[in-house]
Structure formats: C-alpha cells, structure tokens
Amino acid sequence: MIHIIPKPTDTPTDNSTGMVQSELRRRGVPFINLDLASVDPFDLPVSGETIWACGIKQDGVQFELLKALELENHVINSPEAIAICASKVTTTAKIIRSGAPSPATCFTNSKEKVQKFLDAHGGKAVYKPVYGYDGNGIYLFTSADEIKEEPPYYVQEYVKNDRDYRIFVIDNTAVGAIKRESAHLTHNIHQGGCGQAVEIPTEMADAAEGAARAVGIDYCGVDLLPLEDGGYTVLEVNGTPNWHCMTAPIPKLLADYLIRQDKEGRK
C-alpha cells in the first residue's frame, strides 16, 4: 500500500497532497496517510512499503524521521535527494560535475574571494542563502561589503533576465513548465511573480532533465534562466515542488508514478 506524508503547508485552496490523493481514489488505488511526527525511528510503524513524502517541515527532526523510514521502505523522494536539493552548494556541485549548465558560482568564507569573483564577472553577482527557499534572502550586489550576512557566502554570477522557468520533471522526463515573470530579481510565485504555462522546447527539457539526473531524484521542480544564445542555465532543483500555474496534469502523472513504483517494489 502507498503511505502518504501530507505536505504541512497544504491549505483547502492549495492542497497538493489532496490533488494526488484524488487521482489515486479515481483509480481505486488504496493509500493511507502517515503522520510523520508520530513516527518512532526505533520502532517503525511500516516496513516494505512505498512512502510518498509530499512535503516535510523545515526542521531536522522530520528529516531524520524520514531517513529512518527509508531503512525499511521505499521513500519518494529519497531523504538523500531532498537533502541535496536543500543545499544550493551540493546541488550546484552535482550539476556542474554532470555537465549540466549552471551559472558560475563561488562558495567561500572569505569576502576577499567574493570580491575577486565579483570583479571577474562584470561587477555584479547574486547572494543566496545556502538553505534558502521561495526566493527569500536573495539579492543583487556590486561590492562584497554589501553582504551583511555571516559566512559562508554562496554567490553566483548575475545572468541578466526578466523571467525564469520552473520545469516539473518526473522520472527524468520534463512533463510541465511555467514561465515566471516579475519586476524584480527573483520571479518566484511566493515573491509576487506571475506564472504562465508554456511548452517545453528541447533545450529546456535537456537542461531540466540533466539537472534531475545529476541530483538523482524521483521528481522535482527545476528552475532555469534563459540565456542570450537560446539555451538555459540551472538555478536550483526543488525536492518538494509545487506546480502552481501548470496546465500539465501533474497530480495524475505523480499518481501514475507512485502506482508504478509501488508495483515495482512488490515484484
């Protein structure tokens, strides 16, 4: 049976978990909700099952409980993949090693190194929290002295743009995409960006699928920036993504994937 850990941020009008559950019900596929907070990591409540974590709280406790569940179950997404996506440093390192496109990036404790990086990349760069989300704490800077946060510093070259793209990838296949636009640096929906569903050209699919393979994740949301030459560069990979504004049937596709994975695990 499929066990589902509901997303903590679900609301009656934005219920990611419920959308997928409705698709499972429509197919007559049984499932049960699993309260992650009630799990005893030393006496697991389930074994040999498929567990889908639609989302977890941003704390170390729930992540460790998910890791414990994986000792005896197939967890989607895996805790390792979620941890990789949570760290911009690890995500970027994997993307670069795989050959997928990425902006030039600097990670250091030294503001002197940040300034050298800044000087080498046109005098503008973007500061990002290593474990940030929803576009929070991201800003453009032109001098290392403008960074007020404590080290370490994760900074990327500034890629001029007026939009970005969120690509939903399942089983290493791009299945849906939106263009996000705003008047400021970050275009996240949570930062006031406007989303519109778009087709997925080959170059966009290649970049998103390459990033997903690099991370080694069941499904994800890959954020891309367009380049002047018509290509795309990968900003980050989201391990518990929303699918706001997408017209692709993401809940149906996710339900299909969970069913396949559950059947495969029982062969």
C-alpha atoms as a PDB file:
ATOM      1  CA  MET A   1       0.000   0.000   0.000  1.00  0.00           C
ATOM      2  CA  ILE A   2       1.091   3.578  -0.659  1.00  0.00           C
ATOM      3  CA  HIS A   3       1.644   5.606   2.510  1.00  0.00           C
ATOM      4  CA  ILE A   4       1.406   9.377   2.141  1.00  0.00           C
ATOM      5  CA  ILE A   5       3.013  12.062   4.287  1.00  0.00           C
ATOM      6  CA  PRO A   6       0.876  15.183   3.635  1.00  0.00           C
ATOM      7  CA  LYS A   7       2.533  18.494   2.872  1.00  0.00           C
ATOM      8  CA  PRO A   8       2.499  20.651   6.049  1.00  0.00           C
ATOM      9  CA  THR A   9       1.767  23.823   4.055  1.00  0.00           C
ATOM     10  CA  ASP A  10      -1.321  22.458   2.278  1.00  0.00           C
ATOM     11  CA  THR A  11      -4.442  24.599   2.548  1.00  0.00           C
ATOM     12  CA  PRO A  12      -8.039  23.982   1.396  1.00  0.00           C
ATOM     13  CA  THR A  13      -7.394  26.116  -1.705  1.00  0.00           C
ATOM     14  CA  ASP A  14      -3.843  24.853  -2.367  1.00  0.00           C
ATOM     15  CA  ASN A  15      -3.807  21.184  -1.466  1.00  0.00           C
ATOM     16  CA  SER A  16      -1.009  19.409  -3.326  1.00  0.00           C
ATOM     17  CA  THR A  17      -1.420  16.202  -1.318  1.00  0.00           C
ATOM     18  CA  GLY A  18      -5.174  16.130  -1.827  1.00  0.00           C
ATOM     19  CA  MET A  19      -4.853  16.518  -5.605  1.00  0.00           C
ATOM     20  CA  VAL A  20      -2.736  13.382  -5.890  1.00  0.00           C
ATOM     21  CA  GLN A  21      -4.927  11.502  -3.410  1.00  0.00           C
ATOM     22  CA  SER A  22      -7.969  12.288  -5.571  1.00  0.00           C
ATOM     23  CA  GLU A  23      -6.208  10.733  -8.565  1.00  0.00           C
ATOM     24  CA  LEU A  24      -5.391   7.604  -6.561  1.00  0.00           C
ATOM     25  CA  ARG A  25      -9.019   7.315  -5.429  1.00  0.00           C
ATOM     26  CA  ARG A  26     -10.218   7.704  -9.018  1.00  0.00           C
ATOM     27  CA  ARG A  27      -8.112   4.680  -9.941  1.00  0.00           C
ATOM     28  CA  GLY A  28      -9.298   2.681  -6.931  1.00  0.00           C
ATOM     29  CA  VAL A  29      -5.756   2.548  -5.528  1.00  0.00           C
ATOM     30  CA  PRO A  30      -5.682   2.242  -1.724  1.00  0.00           C
ATOM     31  CA  PHE A  31      -3.476   4.538   0.315  1.00  0.00           C
ATOM     32  CA  ILE A  32      -3.148   5.670   3.895  1.00  0.00           C
ATOM     33  CA  ASN A  33      -1.867   8.882   5.428  1.00  0.00           C
ATOM     34  CA  LEU A  34       1.205   8.659   7.641  1.00  0.00           C
ATOM     35  CA  ASP A  35       1.730  11.202  10.419  1.00  0.00           C
ATOM     36  CA  LEU A  36       5.473  11.742  10.244  1.00  0.00           C
ATOM     37  CA  ALA A  37       5.558  13.489  13.617  1.00  0.00           C
ATOM     38  CA  SER A  38       4.229  10.339  15.313  1.00  0.00           C
ATOM     39  CA  VAL A  39       6.906   8.020  13.877  1.00  0.00           C
ATOM     40  CA  ASP A  40       9.225   6.339  16.380  1.00  0.00           C
ATOM     41  CA  PRO A  41      12.537   5.918  14.487  1.00  0.00           C
ATOM     42  CA  PHE A  42      13.463   2.966  16.726  1.00  0.00           C
ATOM     43  CA  ASP A  43      10.143   1.142  16.225  1.00  0.00           C
ATOM     44  CA  LEU A  44       8.992   1.896  12.681  1.00  0.00           C
ATOM     45  CA  PRO A  45       5.235   1.681  12.038  1.00  0.00           C
ATOM     46  CA  VAL A  46       5.609   0.336   8.465  1.00  0.00           C
ATOM     47  CA  SER A  47       8.058  -1.876   6.597  1.00  0.00           C
ATOM     48  CA  GLY A  48       8.430  -2.866   2.942  1.00  0.00           C
ATOM     49  CA  GLU A  49       6.058  -0.141   1.746  1.00  0.00           C
ATOM     50  CA  THR A  50       6.100   2.775  -0.682  1.00  0.00           C
ATOM     51  CA  ILE A  51       6.058   6.109   1.153  1.00  0.00           C
ATOM     52  CA  TRP A  52       5.440   9.397  -0.624  1.00  0.00           C
ATOM     53  CA  ALA A  53       6.513  12.496   1.284  1.00  0.00           C
ATOM     54  CA  CYS A  54       4.635  15.333  -0.411  1.00  0.00           C
ATOM     55  CA  GLY A  55       6.457  17.667   1.964  1.00  0.00           C
ATOM     56  CA  ILE A  56       8.074  17.871   5.380  1.00  0.00           C
ATOM     57  CA  LYS A  57       8.616  20.621   7.915  1.00  0.00           C
ATOM     58  CA  GLN A  58      11.841  22.587   7.641  1.00  0.00           C
ATOM     59  CA  ASP A  59      13.419  21.057  10.710  1.00  0.00           C
ATOM     60  CA  GLY A  60      15.978  18.388  11.471  1.00  0.00           C
ATOM     61  CA  VAL A  61      13.527  16.158  13.339  1.00  0.00           C
ATOM     62  CA  GLN A  62      11.214  15.361  10.428  1.00  0.00           C
ATOM     63  CA  PHE A  63      14.128  14.873   8.061  1.00  0.00           C
ATOM     64  CA  GLU A  64      15.726  12.340  10.437  1.00  0.00           C
ATOM     65  CA  LEU A  65      12.388  10.523  10.799  1.00  0.00           C
ATOM     66  CA  LEU A  66      12.141  10.288   7.016  1.00  0.00           C
ATOM     67  CA  LYS A  67      15.675   8.856   6.885  1.00  0.00           C
ATOM     68  CA  ALA A  68      14.683   6.261   9.473  1.00  0.00           C
ATOM     69  CA  LEU A  69      11.626   5.250   7.441  1.00  0.00           C
ATOM     70  CA  GLU A  70      13.859   4.721   4.422  1.00  0.00           C
ATOM     71  CA  LEU A  71      15.760   1.991   6.277  1.00  0.00           C
ATOM     72  CA  GLU A  72      12.829  -0.380   5.682  1.00  0.00           C
ATOM     73  CA  ASN A  73      10.762   1.327   2.979  1.00  0.00           C
ATOM     74  CA  HIS A  74      10.950   2.933  -0.472  1.00  0.00           C
ATOM     75  CA  VAL A  75      10.647   6.665   0.191  1.00  0.00           C
ATOM     76  CA  ILE A  76       9.767   9.108  -2.627  1.00  0.00           C
ATOM     77  CA  ASN A  77      11.620  11.461  -2.824  1.00  0.00           C
ATOM     78  CA  SER A  78      14.526   9.876  -1.016  1.00  0.00           C
ATOM     79  CA  PRO A  79      15.875  11.773   2.003  1.00  0.00           C
ATOM     80  CA  GLU A  80      19.263  11.944   0.265  1.00  0.00           C
ATOM     81  CA  ALA A  81      17.740  13.657  -2.776  1.00  0.00           C
ATOM     82  CA  ILE A  82      15.761  16.072  -0.597  1.00  0.00           C
ATOM     83  CA  ALA A  83      18.944  16.920   1.332  1.00  0.00           C
ATOM     84  CA  ILE A  84      20.864  17.551  -1.876  1.00  0.00           C
ATOM     85  CA  CYS A  85      18.146  19.888  -3.131  1.00  0.00           C
ATOM     86  CA  ALA A  86      18.021  21.702   0.206  1.00  0.00           C
ATOM     87  CA  SER A  87      21.694  22.665  -0.148  1.00  0.00           C
ATOM     88  CA  LYS A  88      22.455  25.003  -3.033  1.00  0.00           C
ATOM     89  CA  VAL A  89      26.134  24.104  -2.664  1.00  0.00           C
ATOM     90  CA  THR A  90      25.643  20.355  -3.100  1.00  0.00           C
ATOM     91  CA  THR A  91      23.069  20.817  -5.859  1.00  0.00           C
ATOM     92  CA  THR A  92      25.349  23.120  -7.841  1.00  0.00           C
ATOM     93  CA  ALA A  93      28.357  20.816  -7.348  1.00  0.00           C
ATOM     94  CA  LYS A  94      26.410  17.846  -8.704  1.00  0.00           C
ATOM     95  CA  ILE A  95      25.033  19.855 -11.635  1.00  0.00           C
ATOM     96  CA  ILE A  96      28.493  21.088 -12.633  1.00  0.00           C
ATOM     97  CA  ARG A  97      30.063  17.627 -12.286  1.00  0.00           C
ATOM     98  CA  SER A  98      27.339  16.160 -14.505  1.00  0.00           C
ATOM     99  CA  GLY A  99      27.960  18.708 -17.244  1.00  0.00           C
ATOM    100  CA  ALA A 100      24.536  20.317 -16.926  1.00  0.00           C
ATOM    101  CA  PRO A 101      24.540  24.121 -17.368  1.00  0.00           C
ATOM    102  CA  SER A 102      24.992  26.298 -14.275  1.00  0.00           C
ATOM    103  CA  PRO A 103      25.918  29.936 -13.597  1.00  0.00           C
ATOM    104  CA  ALA A 104      29.474  30.481 -12.360  1.00  0.00           C
ATOM    105  CA  THR A 105      29.380  30.059  -8.583  1.00  0.00           C
ATOM    106  CA  CYS A 106      31.583  30.895  -5.595  1.00  0.00           C
ATOM    107  CA  PHE A 107      31.287  29.356  -2.124  1.00  0.00           C
ATOM    108  CA  THR A 108      33.682  30.681   0.487  1.00  0.00           C
ATOM    109  CA  ASN A 109      34.234  32.119   3.969  1.00  0.00           C
ATOM    110  CA  SER A 110      36.292  34.987   2.505  1.00  0.00           C
ATOM    111  CA  LYS A 111      34.895  38.324   1.369  1.00  0.00           C
ATOM    112  CA  GLU A 112      38.161  38.868  -0.492  1.00  0.00           C
ATOM    113  CA  LYS A 113      37.386  35.820  -2.645  1.00  0.00           C
ATOM    114  CA  VAL A 114      33.841  37.079  -3.128  1.00  0.00           C
ATOM    115  CA  GLN A 115      35.216  40.414  -4.360  1.00  0.00           C
ATOM    116  CA  LYS A 116      37.612  38.673  -6.775  1.00  0.00           C
ATOM    117  CA  PHE A 117      34.711  36.610  -8.098  1.00  0.00           C
ATOM    118  CA  LEU A 118      32.625  39.755  -8.442  1.00  0.00           C
ATOM    119  CA  ASP A 119      35.383  41.569 -10.350  1.00  0.00           C
ATOM    120  CA  ALA A 120      35.784  38.591 -12.687  1.00  0.00           C
ATOM    121  CA  HIS A 121      32.070  38.514 -13.536  1.00  0.00           C
ATOM    122  CA  GLY A 122      31.166  42.034 -14.581  1.00  0.00           C
ATOM    123  CA  GLY A 123      30.907  43.689 -11.166  1.00  0.00           C
ATOM    124  CA  LYS A 124      27.503  42.192 -10.357  1.00  0.00           C
ATOM    125  CA  ALA A 125      26.653  38.974  -8.542  1.00  0.00           C
ATOM    126  CA  VAL A 126      23.761  37.408  -6.672  1.00  0.00           C
ATOM    127  CA  TYR A 127      23.889  36.450  -2.997  1.00  0.00           C
ATOM    128  CA  LYS A 128      21.801  33.419  -1.994  1.00  0.00           C
ATOM    129  CA  PRO A 129      21.320  31.679   1.365  1.00  0.00           C
ATOM    130  CA  VAL A 130      22.694  28.131   1.144  1.00  0.00           C
ATOM    131  CA  TYR A 131      19.473  26.687   2.578  1.00  0.00           C
ATOM    132  CA  GLY A 132      17.017  29.331   1.428  1.00  0.00           C
ATOM    133  CA  TYR A 133      13.660  28.672  -0.246  1.00  0.00           C
ATOM    134  CA  ASP A 134      10.858  30.505  -2.101  1.00  0.00           C
ATOM    135  CA  GLY A 135      13.317  33.195  -3.208  1.00  0.00           C
ATOM    136  CA  ASN A 136      13.832  34.530   0.331  1.00  0.00           C
ATOM    137  CA  GLY A 137      17.083  36.323   1.138  1.00  0.00           C
ATOM    138  CA  ILE A 138      18.312  36.598  -2.456  1.00  0.00           C
ATOM    139  CA  TYR A 139      19.709  39.916  -3.651  1.00  0.00           C
ATOM    140  CA  LEU A 140      21.977  41.538  -6.212  1.00  0.00           C
ATOM    141  CA  PHE A 141      25.204  43.187  -5.019  1.00  0.00           C
ATOM    142  CA  THR A 142      28.092  45.107  -6.572  1.00  0.00           C
ATOM    143  CA  SER A 143      30.580  45.042  -3.672  1.00  0.00           C
ATOM    144  CA  ALA A 144      31.432  42.299  -1.189  1.00  0.00           C
ATOM    145  CA  ASP A 145      30.976  44.882   1.575  1.00  0.00           C
ATOM    146  CA  GLU A 146      27.251  44.958   0.778  1.00  0.00           C
ATOM    147  CA  ILE A 147      26.881  41.428   2.149  1.00  0.00           C
ATOM    148  CA  LYS A 148      25.812  41.745   5.779  1.00  0.00           C
ATOM    149  CA  GLU A 149      25.221  38.049   6.457  1.00  0.00           C
ATOM    150  CA  GLU A 150      27.772  35.928   8.299  1.00  0.00           C
ATOM    151  CA  PRO A 151      29.878  33.482   6.248  1.00  0.00           C
ATOM    152  CA  PRO A 152      29.850  31.141   4.450  1.00  0.00           C
ATOM    153  CA  TYR A 153      28.913  33.013   1.288  1.00  0.00           C
ATOM    154  CA  TYR A 154      27.225  31.390  -1.702  1.00  0.00           C
ATOM    155  CA  VAL A 155      27.208  33.759  -4.686  1.00  0.00           C
ATOM    156  CA  GLN A 156      26.523  33.324  -8.383  1.00  0.00           C
ATOM    157  CA  GLU A 157      27.219  35.374 -11.460  1.00  0.00           C
ATOM    158  CA  TYR A 158      24.370  37.668 -12.438  1.00  0.00           C
ATOM    159  CA  VAL A 159      22.566  36.430 -15.535  1.00  0.00           C
ATOM    160  CA  LYS A 160      20.516  39.318 -16.883  1.00  0.00           C
ATOM    161  CA  ASN A 161      16.880  38.306 -17.228  1.00  0.00           C
ATOM    162  CA  ASP A 162      13.278  39.380 -16.897  1.00  0.00           C
ATOM    163  CA  ARG A 163      11.866  35.894 -16.281  1.00  0.00           C
ATOM    164  CA  ASP A 164      12.702  32.353 -15.280  1.00  0.00           C
ATOM    165  CA  TYR A 165      11.155  28.929 -15.829  1.00  0.00           C
ATOM    166  CA  ARG A 166      10.029  26.166 -13.465  1.00  0.00           C
ATOM    167  CA  ILE A 167      10.131  22.743 -15.108  1.00  0.00           C
ATOM    168  CA  PHE A 168       8.418  19.781 -13.451  1.00  0.00           C
ATOM    169  CA  VAL A 169      10.395  16.578 -14.019  1.00  0.00           C
ATOM    170  CA  ILE A 170       9.158  13.070 -13.183  1.00  0.00           C
ATOM    171  CA  ASP A 171      11.371  10.010 -13.659  1.00  0.00           C
ATOM    172  CA  ASN A 172      13.918  12.164 -15.549  1.00  0.00           C
ATOM    173  CA  THR A 173      11.301  13.386 -18.043  1.00  0.00           C
ATOM    174  CA  ALA A 174      10.148  17.013 -18.254  1.00  0.00           C
ATOM    175  CA  VAL A 175       6.350  16.920 -18.124  1.00  0.00           C
ATOM    176  CA  GLY A 176       5.263  20.514 -17.421  1.00  0.00           C
ATOM    177  CA  ALA A 177       6.616  24.052 -17.366  1.00  0.00           C
ATOM    178  CA  ILE A 178       5.706  27.597 -16.450  1.00  0.00           C
ATOM    179  CA  LYS A 179       7.279  30.936 -17.225  1.00  0.00           C
ATOM    180  CA  ARG A 180       7.523  33.183 -14.166  1.00  0.00           C
ATOM    181  CA  GLU A 181       7.824  36.942 -14.595  1.00  0.00           C
ATOM    182  CA  SER A 182       8.227  39.843 -12.183  1.00  0.00           C
ATOM    183  CA  ALA A 183       9.737  43.314 -11.985  1.00  0.00           C
ATOM    184  CA  HIS A 184      12.415  42.251  -9.501  1.00  0.00           C
ATOM    185  CA  LEU A 185      15.359  39.866  -9.228  1.00  0.00           C
ATOM    186  CA  THR A 186      13.504  36.737  -8.137  1.00  0.00           C
ATOM    187  CA  HIS A 187      10.449  35.559 -10.031  1.00  0.00           C
ATOM    188  CA  ASN A 188       9.086  33.020  -7.541  1.00  0.00           C
ATOM    189  CA  ILE A 189       5.316  32.893  -7.215  1.00  0.00           C
ATOM    190  CA  HIS A 190       5.769  33.364  -3.439  1.00  0.00           C
ATOM    191  CA  GLN A 191       7.666  36.603  -4.184  1.00  0.00           C
ATOM    192  CA  GLY A 192       4.841  38.010  -6.318  1.00  0.00           C
ATOM    193  CA  GLY A 193       5.867  36.545  -9.670  1.00  0.00           C
ATOM    194  CA  CYS A 194       3.205  35.737 -12.257  1.00  0.00           C
ATOM    195  CA  GLY A 195       3.207  32.234 -13.731  1.00  0.00           C
ATOM    196  CA  GLN A 196       2.032  31.112 -17.146  1.00  0.00           C
ATOM    197  CA  ALA A 197       2.134  27.605 -18.585  1.00  0.00           C
ATOM    198  CA  VAL A 198       4.473  27.191 -21.575  1.00  0.00           C
ATOM    199  CA  GLU A 199       5.591  24.493 -23.973  1.00  0.00           C
ATOM    200  CA  ILE A 200       8.890  22.724 -23.290  1.00  0.00           C
ATOM    201  CA  PRO A 201      11.415  23.149 -26.111  1.00  0.00           C
ATOM    202  CA  THR A 202      14.196  20.594 -26.461  1.00  0.00           C
ATOM    203  CA  GLU A 203      16.890  22.821 -24.945  1.00  0.00           C
ATOM    204  CA  MET A 204      14.738  23.476 -21.873  1.00  0.00           C
ATOM    205  CA  ALA A 205      13.931  19.790 -21.421  1.00  0.00           C
ATOM    206  CA  ASP A 206      17.591  18.810 -21.792  1.00  0.00           C
ATOM    207  CA  ALA A 207      18.730  21.260 -19.101  1.00  0.00           C
ATOM    208  CA  ALA A 208      15.980  20.291 -16.646  1.00  0.00           C
ATOM    209  CA  GLU A 209      16.317  16.553 -17.185  1.00  0.00           C
ATOM    210  CA  GLY A 210      20.088  16.764 -16.882  1.00  0.00           C
ATOM    211  CA  ALA A 211      19.752  18.532 -13.537  1.00  0.00           C
ATOM    212  CA  ALA A 212      17.277  15.931 -12.258  1.00  0.00           C
ATOM    213  CA  ARG A 213      19.603  13.086 -13.253  1.00  0.00           C
ATOM    214  CA  ALA A 214      22.532  14.854 -11.582  1.00  0.00           C
ATOM    215  CA  VAL A 215      20.637  15.054  -8.290  1.00  0.00           C
ATOM    216  CA  GLY A 216      19.229  11.507  -8.593  1.00  0.00           C
ATOM    217  CA  ILE A 217      15.642  12.319  -7.697  1.00  0.00           C
ATOM    218  CA  ASP A 218      12.253  10.736  -8.477  1.00  0.00           C
ATOM    219  CA  TYR A 219      10.526  14.031  -9.274  1.00  0.00           C
ATOM    220  CA  CYS A 220      11.417  17.675  -8.854  1.00  0.00           C
ATOM    221  CA  GLY A 221      10.960  21.250  -9.964  1.00  0.00           C
ATOM    222  CA  VAL A 222      13.969  22.626 -11.839  1.00  0.00           C
ATOM    223  CA  ASP A 223      14.375  26.415 -12.063  1.00  0.00           C
ATOM    224  CA  LEU A 224      16.051  27.708 -15.219  1.00  0.00           C
ATOM    225  CA  LEU A 225      17.161  31.064 -16.574  1.00  0.00           C
ATOM    226  CA  PRO A 226      17.175  31.736 -20.325  1.00  0.00           C
ATOM    227  CA  LEU A 227      20.486  32.671 -21.948  1.00  0.00           C
ATOM    228  CA  GLU A 228      21.074  35.067 -24.828  1.00  0.00           C
ATOM    229  CA  ASP A 229      22.188  32.216 -27.089  1.00  0.00           C
ATOM    230  CA  GLY A 230      18.821  30.478 -26.706  1.00  0.00           C
ATOM    231  CA  GLY A 231      19.982  27.950 -24.129  1.00  0.00           C
ATOM    232  CA  TYR A 232      19.195  27.687 -20.427  1.00  0.00           C
ATOM    233  CA  THR A 233      21.152  27.556 -17.184  1.00  0.00           C
ATOM    234  CA  VAL A 234      20.057  25.772 -13.996  1.00  0.00           C
ATOM    235  CA  LEU A 235      19.445  27.846 -10.878  1.00  0.00           C
ATOM    236  CA  GLU A 236      18.266  25.163  -8.477  1.00  0.00           C
ATOM    237  CA  VAL A 237      16.387  21.886  -8.078  1.00  0.00           C
ATOM    238  CA  ASN A 238      13.403  21.677  -5.722  1.00  0.00           C
ATOM    239  CA  GLY A 239      12.813  18.362  -3.944  1.00  0.00           C
ATOM    240  CA  THR A 240       9.262  19.072  -2.731  1.00  0.00           C
ATOM    241  CA  PRO A 241       7.969  21.281  -5.558  1.00  0.00           C
ATOM    242  CA  ASN A 242       4.641  22.962  -6.132  1.00  0.00           C
ATOM    243  CA  TRP A 243       3.090  23.009  -9.574  1.00  0.00           C
ATOM    244  CA  HIS A 244       1.320  26.367  -9.462  1.00  0.00           C
ATOM    245  CA  CYS A 245       0.015  27.621 -12.822  1.00  0.00           C
ATOM    246  CA  MET A 246       0.964  24.453 -14.727  1.00  0.00           C
ATOM    247  CA  THR A 247      -1.662  23.139 -17.118  1.00  0.00           C
ATOM    248  CA  ALA A 248       0.051  19.741 -17.364  1.00  0.00           C
ATOM    249  CA  PRO A 249      -1.836  17.087 -15.305  1.00  0.00           C
ATOM    250  CA  ILE A 250       0.851  16.868 -12.622  1.00  0.00           C
ATOM    251  CA  PRO A 251      -1.345  15.160  -9.954  1.00  0.00           C
ATOM    252  CA  LYS A 252      -2.327  12.447 -12.467  1.00  0.00           C
ATOM    253  CA  LEU A 253       1.272  11.949 -13.562  1.00  0.00           C
ATOM    254  CA  LEU A 254       2.503  11.792  -9.955  1.00  0.00           C
ATOM    255  CA  ALA A 255      -0.209   9.275  -9.061  1.00  0.00           C
ATOM    256  CA  ASP A 256       0.774   7.140 -12.057  1.00  0.00           C
ATOM    257  CA  TYR A 257       4.412   7.248 -10.952  1.00  0.00           C
ATOM    258  CA  LEU A 258       3.590   6.274  -7.357  1.00  0.00           C
ATOM    259  CA  ILE A 259       1.492   3.347  -8.576  1.00  0.00           C
ATOM    260  CA  ARG A 260       4.302   2.121 -10.848  1.00  0.00           C
ATOM    261  CA  GLN A 261       6.876   2.420  -8.090  1.00  0.00           C
ATOM    262  CA  ASP A 262       4.643   0.580  -5.633  1.00  0.00           C
ATOM    263  CA  LYS A 263       4.102  -2.268  -8.116  1.00  0.00           C
ATOM    264  CA  GLU A 264       7.813  -2.470  -8.902  1.00  0.00           C
ATOM    265  CA  GLY A 265       8.598  -2.728  -5.214  1.00  0.00           C
ATOM    266  CA  ARG A 266       6.316  -5.738  -4.866  1.00  0.00           C
ATOM    267  CA  LYS A 267       7.771  -7.818  -7.729  1.00  0.00           C
END
